[in-house]
Amino acid sequence: MSGAVMLALHKEGGVSGSDMFWGDVFIIINAISYAIYFILVKPLMLAYEPIHVVRWIFTFGLIFTIPIGWSQFSVIDWGSFTWKEYAAVGFIVIGATFFAYLFNLYGVHHLGAGVTGTYIYTQPFFAAAIALIFLNESFTIYKIIAAALIVSGVYLVSRKT
């Protein structure tokens, strides 16, 4: 968590402003929520198959999201979308969301929350490494320290007590 906070608070260039601040706050809230989610879903994984757990997670998520997001969703001009835009939305909903949750829960079911959580929380580390290689992102001491904090946090959580 401290690695994510460090990256959020120290920026080099880029866009600044209150929208960026709130985006960073929501990313940190998301990380905390995801950790709580894994703790809560573990007992369900002992009793049910991953597909059933995902079905109920998405059902309740939809019920709670509709009142918040309906005003934005209702003004989308769906008729102006091209087939590529529909394909992109479909990929995000089915590929990057549904299957990501399904495979994460499959991992919790078969490998345990510790191994799956380790995989999930090292994703930003690998994303940053790939961005350094392929997108010519800057390599700073803050990113090195943040990566060390992420790796240390994963180690502390995964070790036996």
N, C-alpha and C. Protein backbone atom coordinates (compact mmCIF):
# COMPACT_ATOMS: atom_id res chain seq x y z
N MET A 1 0.82 -1.18 0.00
CA MET A 1 0.00 0.00 0.00
C MET A 1 0.87 1.25 0.00
N SER A 2 1.94 1.23 0.76
CA SER A 2 2.80 2.41 0.84
C SER A 2 3.46 2.71 -0.50
N GLY A 3 3.76 1.68 -1.28
CA GLY A 3 4.33 1.89 -2.62
C GLY A 3 3.35 2.61 -3.52
N ALA A 4 2.08 2.23 -3.48
CA ALA A 4 1.06 2.89 -4.29
C ALA A 4 0.87 4.34 -3.85
N VAL A 5 0.87 4.58 -2.55
CA VAL A 5 0.72 5.95 -2.04
C VAL A 5 1.90 6.80 -2.49
N MET A 6 3.10 6.24 -2.42
CA MET A 6 4.28 6.98 -2.82
C MET A 6 4.21 7.37 -4.30
N LEU A 7 3.81 6.43 -5.15
CA LEU A 7 3.69 6.74 -6.57
C LEU A 7 2.60 7.78 -6.82
N ALA A 8 1.53 7.73 -6.05
CA ALA A 8 0.44 8.68 -6.25
C ALA A 8 0.83 10.09 -5.82
N LEU A 9 1.62 10.21 -4.76
CA LEU A 9 1.97 11.52 -4.24
C LEU A 9 3.13 12.18 -4.97
N HIS A 10 4.00 11.41 -5.59
CA HIS A 10 5.14 11.99 -6.29
C HIS A 10 4.99 11.77 -7.78
N LYS A 11 4.75 12.85 -8.50
CA LYS A 11 4.58 12.76 -9.94
C LYS A 11 5.65 13.58 -10.62
N GLU A 12 6.12 13.08 -11.76
CA GLU A 12 7.03 13.85 -12.60
C GLU A 12 6.26 14.27 -13.84
N GLY A 13 5.99 15.55 -13.98
CA GLY A 13 5.30 16.03 -15.18
C GLY A 13 3.89 15.52 -15.25
N GLY A 14 3.39 15.38 -16.46
CA GLY A 14 2.05 14.84 -16.65
C GLY A 14 0.98 15.86 -16.31
N VAL A 15 -0.20 15.39 -16.13
CA VAL A 15 -1.35 16.24 -15.85
C VAL A 15 -1.47 16.40 -14.34
N SER A 16 -1.82 17.60 -13.91
CA SER A 16 -2.01 17.81 -12.48
C SER A 16 -3.39 18.42 -12.25
N GLY A 17 -3.78 18.51 -11.02
CA GLY A 17 -5.06 19.12 -10.69
C GLY A 17 -5.85 18.24 -9.75
N SER A 18 -7.03 18.76 -9.38
CA SER A 18 -7.85 18.04 -8.41
C SER A 18 -8.37 16.72 -8.97
N ASP A 19 -8.63 16.65 -10.30
CA ASP A 19 -9.09 15.40 -10.88
C ASP A 19 -8.04 14.31 -10.73
N MET A 20 -6.78 14.65 -10.92
CA MET A 20 -5.70 13.67 -10.75
C MET A 20 -5.62 13.23 -9.28
N PHE A 21 -5.76 14.18 -8.36
CA PHE A 21 -5.72 13.84 -6.94
C PHE A 21 -6.82 12.85 -6.61
N TRP A 22 -8.06 13.14 -7.05
CA TRP A 22 -9.17 12.25 -6.73
C TRP A 22 -9.03 10.91 -7.43
N GLY A 23 -8.45 10.90 -8.61
CA GLY A 23 -8.18 9.63 -9.27
C GLY A 23 -7.22 8.79 -8.46
N ASP A 24 -6.17 9.42 -7.93
CA ASP A 24 -5.21 8.70 -7.09
C ASP A 24 -5.87 8.19 -5.80
N VAL A 25 -6.71 9.02 -5.21
CA VAL A 25 -7.42 8.60 -3.99
C VAL A 25 -8.28 7.38 -4.28
N PHE A 26 -9.00 7.40 -5.40
CA PHE A 26 -9.86 6.27 -5.74
C PHE A 26 -9.06 5.01 -6.06
N ILE A 27 -7.88 5.15 -6.63
CA ILE A 27 -7.02 3.99 -6.87
C ILE A 27 -6.60 3.37 -5.55
N ILE A 28 -6.24 4.19 -4.58
CA ILE A 28 -5.85 3.68 -3.26
C ILE A 28 -7.04 3.02 -2.56
N ILE A 29 -8.22 3.65 -2.65
CA ILE A 29 -9.42 3.04 -2.08
C ILE A 29 -9.71 1.71 -2.76
N ASN A 30 -9.50 1.65 -4.07
CA ASN A 30 -9.71 0.41 -4.81
C ASN A 30 -8.78 -0.69 -4.30
N ALA A 31 -7.52 -0.37 -4.07
CA ALA A 31 -6.56 -1.37 -3.58
C ALA A 31 -6.98 -1.90 -2.21
N ILE A 32 -7.42 -1.00 -1.34
CA ILE A 32 -7.88 -1.43 -0.01
C ILE A 32 -9.14 -2.28 -0.14
N SER A 33 -10.07 -1.84 -0.97
CA SER A 33 -11.31 -2.59 -1.17
C SER A 33 -11.04 -3.98 -1.74
N TYR A 34 -10.08 -4.06 -2.66
CA TYR A 34 -9.77 -5.35 -3.27
C TYR A 34 -9.18 -6.31 -2.24
N ALA A 35 -8.38 -5.79 -1.33
CA ALA A 35 -7.84 -6.63 -0.25
C ALA A 35 -8.96 -7.14 0.64
N ILE A 36 -9.89 -6.26 0.99
CA ILE A 36 -11.04 -6.68 1.80
C ILE A 36 -11.88 -7.70 1.05
N TYR A 37 -12.06 -7.48 -0.24
CA TYR A 37 -12.81 -8.40 -1.08
C TYR A 37 -12.22 -9.81 -1.03
N PHE A 38 -10.90 -9.91 -1.13
CA PHE A 38 -10.26 -11.22 -1.09
C PHE A 38 -10.45 -11.91 0.25
N ILE A 39 -10.44 -11.14 1.31
CA ILE A 39 -10.68 -11.72 2.63
C ILE A 39 -12.11 -12.24 2.73
N LEU A 40 -13.06 -11.46 2.23
CA LEU A 40 -14.47 -11.85 2.31
C LEU A 40 -14.83 -13.00 1.37
N VAL A 41 -14.18 -13.08 0.22
CA VAL A 41 -14.55 -14.09 -0.77
C VAL A 41 -13.94 -15.46 -0.47
N LYS A 42 -12.90 -15.49 0.34
CA LYS A 42 -12.23 -16.77 0.60
C LYS A 42 -13.18 -17.84 1.15
N PRO A 43 -14.01 -17.54 2.16
CA PRO A 43 -14.93 -18.58 2.63
C PRO A 43 -15.94 -19.02 1.56
N LEU A 44 -16.35 -18.10 0.71
CA LEU A 44 -17.28 -18.46 -0.37
C LEU A 44 -16.63 -19.44 -1.34
N MET A 45 -15.33 -19.28 -1.56
CA MET A 45 -14.63 -20.14 -2.50
C MET A 45 -14.52 -21.57 -1.98
N LEU A 46 -14.61 -21.74 -0.68
CA LEU A 46 -14.58 -23.09 -0.12
C LEU A 46 -15.90 -23.82 -0.35
N ALA A 47 -16.99 -23.05 -0.49
CA ALA A 47 -18.32 -23.65 -0.62
C ALA A 47 -18.85 -23.68 -2.05
N TYR A 48 -18.39 -22.75 -2.91
CA TYR A 48 -18.98 -22.62 -4.24
C TYR A 48 -17.89 -22.58 -5.31
N GLU A 49 -18.29 -22.88 -6.53
CA GLU A 49 -17.40 -22.78 -7.68
C GLU A 49 -17.21 -21.30 -8.05
N PRO A 50 -16.06 -20.95 -8.63
CA PRO A 50 -15.79 -19.55 -8.97
C PRO A 50 -16.86 -18.90 -9.85
N ILE A 51 -17.41 -19.62 -10.81
CA ILE A 51 -18.40 -19.03 -11.72
C ILE A 51 -19.65 -18.57 -10.96
N HIS A 52 -20.05 -19.31 -9.93
CA HIS A 52 -21.22 -18.92 -9.14
C HIS A 52 -20.92 -17.69 -8.28
N VAL A 53 -19.73 -17.63 -7.74
CA VAL A 53 -19.35 -16.47 -6.92
C VAL A 53 -19.30 -15.22 -7.80
N VAL A 54 -18.69 -15.34 -8.99
CA VAL A 54 -18.61 -14.19 -9.90
C VAL A 54 -20.01 -13.74 -10.32
N ARG A 55 -20.91 -14.68 -10.58
CA ARG A 55 -22.27 -14.32 -10.97
C ARG A 55 -22.91 -13.44 -9.90
N TRP A 56 -22.78 -13.83 -8.63
CA TRP A 56 -23.41 -13.06 -7.56
C TRP A 56 -22.68 -11.74 -7.31
N ILE A 57 -21.38 -11.73 -7.44
CA ILE A 57 -20.62 -10.48 -7.29
C ILE A 57 -21.08 -9.47 -8.34
N PHE A 58 -21.19 -9.92 -9.59
CA PHE A 58 -21.62 -9.02 -10.66
C PHE A 58 -23.08 -8.61 -10.50
N THR A 59 -23.92 -9.50 -10.02
CA THR A 59 -25.34 -9.16 -9.82
C THR A 59 -25.48 -8.07 -8.77
N PHE A 60 -24.84 -8.25 -7.61
CA PHE A 60 -24.92 -7.22 -6.57
C PHE A 60 -24.19 -5.95 -6.99
N GLY A 61 -23.08 -6.10 -7.70
CA GLY A 61 -22.38 -4.92 -8.22
C GLY A 61 -23.26 -4.10 -9.14
N LEU A 62 -24.01 -4.77 -10.01
CA LEU A 62 -24.92 -4.07 -10.91
C LEU A 62 -26.02 -3.35 -10.14
N ILE A 63 -26.58 -4.03 -9.16
CA ILE A 63 -27.65 -3.43 -8.36
C ILE A 63 -27.17 -2.15 -7.66
N PHE A 64 -25.95 -2.17 -7.12
CA PHE A 64 -25.44 -1.00 -6.41
C PHE A 64 -24.89 0.07 -7.34
N THR A 65 -24.50 -0.31 -8.56
CA THR A 65 -23.91 0.64 -9.49
C THR A 65 -24.95 1.42 -10.29
N ILE A 66 -26.07 0.80 -10.60
CA ILE A 66 -27.08 1.46 -11.43
C ILE A 66 -27.51 2.82 -10.87
N PRO A 67 -27.85 2.94 -9.58
CA PRO A 67 -28.27 4.26 -9.09
C PRO A 67 -27.16 5.32 -9.20
N ILE A 68 -25.93 4.91 -9.10
CA ILE A 68 -24.81 5.86 -9.14
C ILE A 68 -24.48 6.25 -10.58
N GLY A 69 -24.49 5.29 -11.49
CA GLY A 69 -24.02 5.55 -12.85
C GLY A 69 -25.08 5.74 -13.91
N TRP A 70 -26.37 5.61 -13.55
CA TRP A 70 -27.40 5.66 -14.58
C TRP A 70 -27.42 6.99 -15.33
N SER A 71 -27.20 8.11 -14.64
CA SER A 71 -27.26 9.41 -15.32
C SER A 71 -26.19 9.52 -16.41
N GLN A 72 -25.01 8.95 -16.20
CA GLN A 72 -23.98 8.97 -17.23
C GLN A 72 -24.27 7.94 -18.32
N PHE A 73 -24.73 6.77 -17.93
CA PHE A 73 -25.00 5.69 -18.89
C PHE A 73 -26.14 6.06 -19.84
N SER A 74 -27.15 6.74 -19.32
CA SER A 74 -28.34 7.04 -20.12
C SER A 74 -28.09 8.08 -21.22
N VAL A 75 -27.03 8.86 -21.14
CA VAL A 75 -26.77 9.87 -22.17
C VAL A 75 -25.80 9.40 -23.25
N ILE A 76 -25.34 8.16 -23.17
CA ILE A 76 -24.44 7.63 -24.19
C ILE A 76 -25.22 7.44 -25.48
N ASP A 77 -24.67 7.93 -26.58
CA ASP A 77 -25.30 7.77 -27.89
C ASP A 77 -24.81 6.45 -28.50
N TRP A 78 -25.48 5.36 -28.12
CA TRP A 78 -25.06 4.03 -28.56
C TRP A 78 -25.13 3.87 -30.07
N GLY A 79 -26.02 4.61 -30.71
CA GLY A 79 -26.17 4.51 -32.16
C GLY A 79 -24.98 5.06 -32.93
N SER A 80 -24.18 5.90 -32.29
CA SER A 80 -23.02 6.47 -32.98
C SER A 80 -21.78 5.59 -32.89
N PHE A 81 -21.86 4.50 -32.17
CA PHE A 81 -20.70 3.62 -32.01
C PHE A 81 -20.45 2.84 -33.30
N THR A 82 -19.18 2.65 -33.61
CA THR A 82 -18.80 1.76 -34.71
C THR A 82 -18.68 0.35 -34.17
N TRP A 83 -18.53 -0.62 -35.04
CA TRP A 83 -18.38 -2.01 -34.58
C TRP A 83 -17.11 -2.16 -33.76
N LYS A 84 -16.07 -1.37 -34.07
CA LYS A 84 -14.82 -1.45 -33.30
C LYS A 84 -15.04 -0.95 -31.87
N GLU A 85 -15.85 0.08 -31.72
CA GLU A 85 -16.13 0.59 -30.38
C GLU A 85 -16.98 -0.39 -29.58
N TYR A 86 -17.95 -1.02 -30.24
CA TYR A 86 -18.72 -2.08 -29.57
C TYR A 86 -17.81 -3.24 -29.18
N ALA A 87 -16.89 -3.60 -30.07
CA ALA A 87 -15.95 -4.69 -29.77
C ALA A 87 -15.06 -4.31 -28.58
N ALA A 88 -14.63 -3.04 -28.52
CA ALA A 88 -13.79 -2.59 -27.40
C ALA A 88 -14.56 -2.65 -26.08
N VAL A 89 -15.80 -2.19 -26.09
CA VAL A 89 -16.63 -2.25 -24.88
C VAL A 89 -16.85 -3.70 -24.48
N GLY A 90 -17.15 -4.55 -25.46
CA GLY A 90 -17.34 -5.98 -25.18
C GLY A 90 -16.09 -6.61 -24.58
N PHE A 91 -14.93 -6.25 -25.12
CA PHE A 91 -13.68 -6.79 -24.58
C PHE A 91 -13.47 -6.35 -23.14
N ILE A 92 -13.73 -5.07 -22.86
CA ILE A 92 -13.55 -4.57 -21.50
C ILE A 92 -14.49 -5.27 -20.53
N VAL A 93 -15.76 -5.41 -20.92
CA VAL A 93 -16.75 -6.02 -20.02
C VAL A 93 -16.51 -7.51 -19.86
N ILE A 94 -16.30 -8.21 -20.97
CA ILE A 94 -16.18 -9.67 -20.90
C ILE A 94 -14.74 -10.11 -20.63
N GLY A 95 -13.81 -9.62 -21.42
CA GLY A 95 -12.43 -10.07 -21.29
C GLY A 95 -11.71 -9.52 -20.08
N ALA A 96 -11.66 -8.19 -20.00
CA ALA A 96 -10.85 -7.57 -18.95
C ALA A 96 -11.54 -7.50 -17.60
N THR A 97 -12.85 -7.67 -17.56
CA THR A 97 -13.55 -7.62 -16.28
C THR A 97 -14.04 -8.99 -15.85
N PHE A 98 -14.96 -9.58 -16.60
CA PHE A 98 -15.55 -10.86 -16.21
C PHE A 98 -14.49 -11.95 -16.08
N PHE A 99 -13.68 -12.14 -17.12
CA PHE A 99 -12.68 -13.21 -17.06
C PHE A 99 -11.59 -12.92 -16.03
N ALA A 100 -11.25 -11.64 -15.84
CA ALA A 100 -10.25 -11.32 -14.81
C ALA A 100 -10.76 -11.73 -13.43
N TYR A 101 -12.00 -11.39 -13.11
CA TYR A 101 -12.57 -11.81 -11.83
C TYR A 101 -12.68 -13.32 -11.74
N LEU A 102 -13.13 -13.95 -12.82
CA LEU A 102 -13.29 -15.40 -12.82
C LEU A 102 -11.95 -16.09 -12.58
N PHE A 103 -10.90 -15.66 -13.29
CA PHE A 103 -9.59 -16.30 -13.12
C PHE A 103 -8.98 -16.00 -11.76
N ASN A 104 -9.21 -14.79 -11.24
CA ASN A 104 -8.73 -14.49 -9.89
C ASN A 104 -9.40 -15.39 -8.86
N LEU A 105 -10.71 -15.57 -8.99
CA LEU A 105 -11.42 -16.46 -8.05
C LEU A 105 -11.04 -17.91 -8.26
N TYR A 106 -10.78 -18.29 -9.50
CA TYR A 106 -10.28 -19.64 -9.77
C TYR A 106 -8.95 -19.84 -9.05
N GLY A 107 -8.10 -18.80 -9.08
CA GLY A 107 -6.83 -18.87 -8.36
C GLY A 107 -7.02 -18.98 -6.86
N VAL A 108 -7.95 -18.19 -6.31
CA VAL A 108 -8.24 -18.28 -4.88
C VAL A 108 -8.74 -19.68 -4.53
N HIS A 109 -9.60 -20.22 -5.38
CA HIS A 109 -10.20 -21.54 -5.13
C HIS A 109 -9.15 -22.65 -5.16
N HIS A 110 -8.22 -22.59 -6.10
CA HIS A 110 -7.26 -23.67 -6.29
C HIS A 110 -5.88 -23.41 -5.68
N LEU A 111 -5.50 -22.15 -5.54
CA LEU A 111 -4.16 -21.84 -5.03
C LEU A 111 -4.18 -21.16 -3.66
N GLY A 112 -5.31 -20.58 -3.30
CA GLY A 112 -5.41 -19.85 -2.04
C GLY A 112 -5.31 -18.36 -2.26
N ALA A 113 -5.77 -17.61 -1.27
CA ALA A 113 -5.79 -16.15 -1.37
C ALA A 113 -4.39 -15.56 -1.36
N GLY A 114 -3.46 -16.20 -0.66
CA GLY A 114 -2.09 -15.67 -0.57
C GLY A 114 -1.39 -15.63 -1.91
N VAL A 115 -1.41 -16.74 -2.63
CA VAL A 115 -0.75 -16.81 -3.94
C VAL A 115 -1.44 -15.88 -4.93
N THR A 116 -2.76 -15.90 -4.93
CA THR A 116 -3.51 -15.06 -5.86
C THR A 116 -3.31 -13.59 -5.55
N GLY A 117 -3.33 -13.23 -4.28
CA GLY A 117 -3.08 -11.85 -3.89
C GLY A 117 -1.69 -11.39 -4.27
N THR A 118 -0.71 -12.27 -4.13
CA THR A 118 0.65 -11.94 -4.54
C THR A 118 0.70 -11.62 -6.02
N TYR A 119 0.05 -12.43 -6.82
CA TYR A 119 0.00 -12.19 -8.26
C TYR A 119 -0.64 -10.83 -8.55
N ILE A 120 -1.76 -10.55 -7.92
CA ILE A 120 -2.49 -9.32 -8.20
C ILE A 120 -1.70 -8.09 -7.77
N TYR A 121 -1.09 -8.15 -6.60
CA TYR A 121 -0.39 -6.97 -6.10
C TYR A 121 0.98 -6.76 -6.73
N THR A 122 1.49 -7.73 -7.47
CA THR A 122 2.73 -7.50 -8.22
C THR A 122 2.44 -7.00 -9.64
N GLN A 123 1.19 -6.97 -10.07
CA GLN A 123 0.86 -6.49 -11.41
C GLN A 123 1.34 -5.05 -11.65
N PRO A 124 1.17 -4.10 -10.71
CA PRO A 124 1.68 -2.74 -10.98
C PRO A 124 3.20 -2.72 -11.16
N PHE A 125 3.90 -3.57 -10.43
CA PHE A 125 5.35 -3.66 -10.56
C PHE A 125 5.72 -4.07 -11.99
N PHE A 126 5.07 -5.12 -12.49
CA PHE A 126 5.37 -5.58 -13.84
C PHE A 126 4.87 -4.61 -14.91
N ALA A 127 3.75 -3.94 -14.66
CA ALA A 127 3.25 -2.93 -15.60
C ALA A 127 4.24 -1.77 -15.71
N ALA A 128 4.81 -1.36 -14.59
CA ALA A 128 5.80 -0.28 -14.61
C ALA A 128 7.06 -0.72 -15.35
N ALA A 129 7.49 -1.96 -15.13
CA ALA A 129 8.67 -2.47 -15.83
C ALA A 129 8.44 -2.52 -17.34
N ILE A 130 7.26 -2.97 -17.75
CA ILE A 130 6.94 -3.02 -19.17
C ILE A 130 6.87 -1.61 -19.75
N ALA A 131 6.30 -0.65 -19.00
CA ALA A 131 6.24 0.74 -19.45
C ALA A 131 7.63 1.33 -19.61
N LEU A 132 8.54 0.97 -18.70
CA LEU A 132 9.92 1.44 -18.83
C LEU A 132 10.56 0.92 -20.11
N ILE A 133 10.31 -0.33 -20.43
CA ILE A 133 10.93 -0.95 -21.60
C ILE A 133 10.30 -0.48 -22.90
N PHE A 134 8.97 -0.55 -22.99
CA PHE A 134 8.30 -0.33 -24.27
C PHE A 134 7.79 1.09 -24.49
N LEU A 135 7.54 1.84 -23.43
CA LEU A 135 6.98 3.18 -23.57
C LEU A 135 7.98 4.28 -23.19
N ASN A 136 9.22 3.88 -22.91
CA ASN A 136 10.27 4.83 -22.55
C ASN A 136 9.89 5.72 -21.37
N GLU A 137 9.22 5.14 -20.40
CA GLU A 137 8.90 5.87 -19.18
C GLU A 137 10.19 6.19 -18.44
N SER A 138 10.14 7.23 -17.62
CA SER A 138 11.33 7.61 -16.86
C SER A 138 11.56 6.64 -15.71
N PHE A 139 12.80 6.45 -15.36
CA PHE A 139 13.22 5.54 -14.30
C PHE A 139 13.77 6.40 -13.17
N THR A 140 13.02 6.54 -12.08
CA THR A 140 13.41 7.44 -11.00
C THR A 140 13.59 6.67 -9.70
N ILE A 141 14.23 7.33 -8.76
CA ILE A 141 14.46 6.74 -7.45
C ILE A 141 13.12 6.47 -6.75
N TYR A 142 12.13 7.31 -6.99
CA TYR A 142 10.81 7.11 -6.37
C TYR A 142 10.16 5.82 -6.86
N LYS A 143 10.32 5.52 -8.13
CA LYS A 143 9.75 4.27 -8.66
C LYS A 143 10.49 3.06 -8.11
N ILE A 144 11.79 3.18 -7.93
CA ILE A 144 12.57 2.08 -7.35
C ILE A 144 12.12 1.83 -5.90
N ILE A 145 11.97 2.91 -5.13
CA ILE A 145 11.53 2.77 -3.74
C ILE A 145 10.11 2.20 -3.69
N ALA A 146 9.22 2.70 -4.56
CA ALA A 146 7.84 2.19 -4.59
C ALA A 146 7.83 0.70 -4.93
N ALA A 147 8.65 0.29 -5.91
CA ALA A 147 8.73 -1.13 -6.27
C ALA A 147 9.24 -1.95 -5.10
N ALA A 148 10.24 -1.43 -4.39
CA ALA A 148 10.77 -2.15 -3.22
C ALA A 148 9.70 -2.27 -2.13
N LEU A 149 8.90 -1.24 -1.95
CA LEU A 149 7.82 -1.30 -0.96
C LEU A 149 6.76 -2.32 -1.36
N ILE A 150 6.42 -2.38 -2.65
CA ILE A 150 5.44 -3.36 -3.12
C ILE A 150 5.96 -4.77 -2.90
N VAL A 151 7.20 -5.03 -3.31
CA VAL A 151 7.78 -6.36 -3.14
C VAL A 151 7.88 -6.71 -1.66
N SER A 152 8.27 -5.75 -0.82
CA SER A 152 8.36 -6.00 0.63
C SER A 152 7.00 -6.32 1.22
N GLY A 153 5.98 -5.58 0.80
CA GLY A 153 4.63 -5.83 1.30
C GLY A 153 4.13 -7.21 0.91
N VAL A 154 4.37 -7.59 -0.33
CA VAL A 154 3.97 -8.93 -0.79
C VAL A 154 4.71 -10.00 0.00
N TYR A 155 6.00 -9.78 0.26
CA TYR A 155 6.78 -10.75 1.04
C TYR A 155 6.23 -10.87 2.46
N LEU A 156 5.98 -9.73 3.11
CA LEU A 156 5.49 -9.77 4.49
C LEU A 156 4.13 -10.45 4.60
N VAL A 157 3.26 -10.23 3.62
CA VAL A 157 1.94 -10.84 3.65
C VAL A 157 2.01 -12.34 3.38
N SER A 158 2.93 -12.75 2.52
CA SER A 158 2.95 -14.16 2.10
C SER A 158 3.79 -15.07 3.00
N ARG A 159 4.61 -14.51 3.87
CA ARG A 159 5.46 -15.39 4.69
C ARG A 159 4.65 -16.03 5.82
N LYS A 160 5.10 -17.17 6.25
CA LYS A 160 4.44 -17.89 7.34
C LYS A 160 4.80 -17.23 8.66
N THR A 161 3.83 -17.15 9.57
CA THR A 161 4.10 -16.53 10.88
C THR A 161 4.29 -17.59 11.93
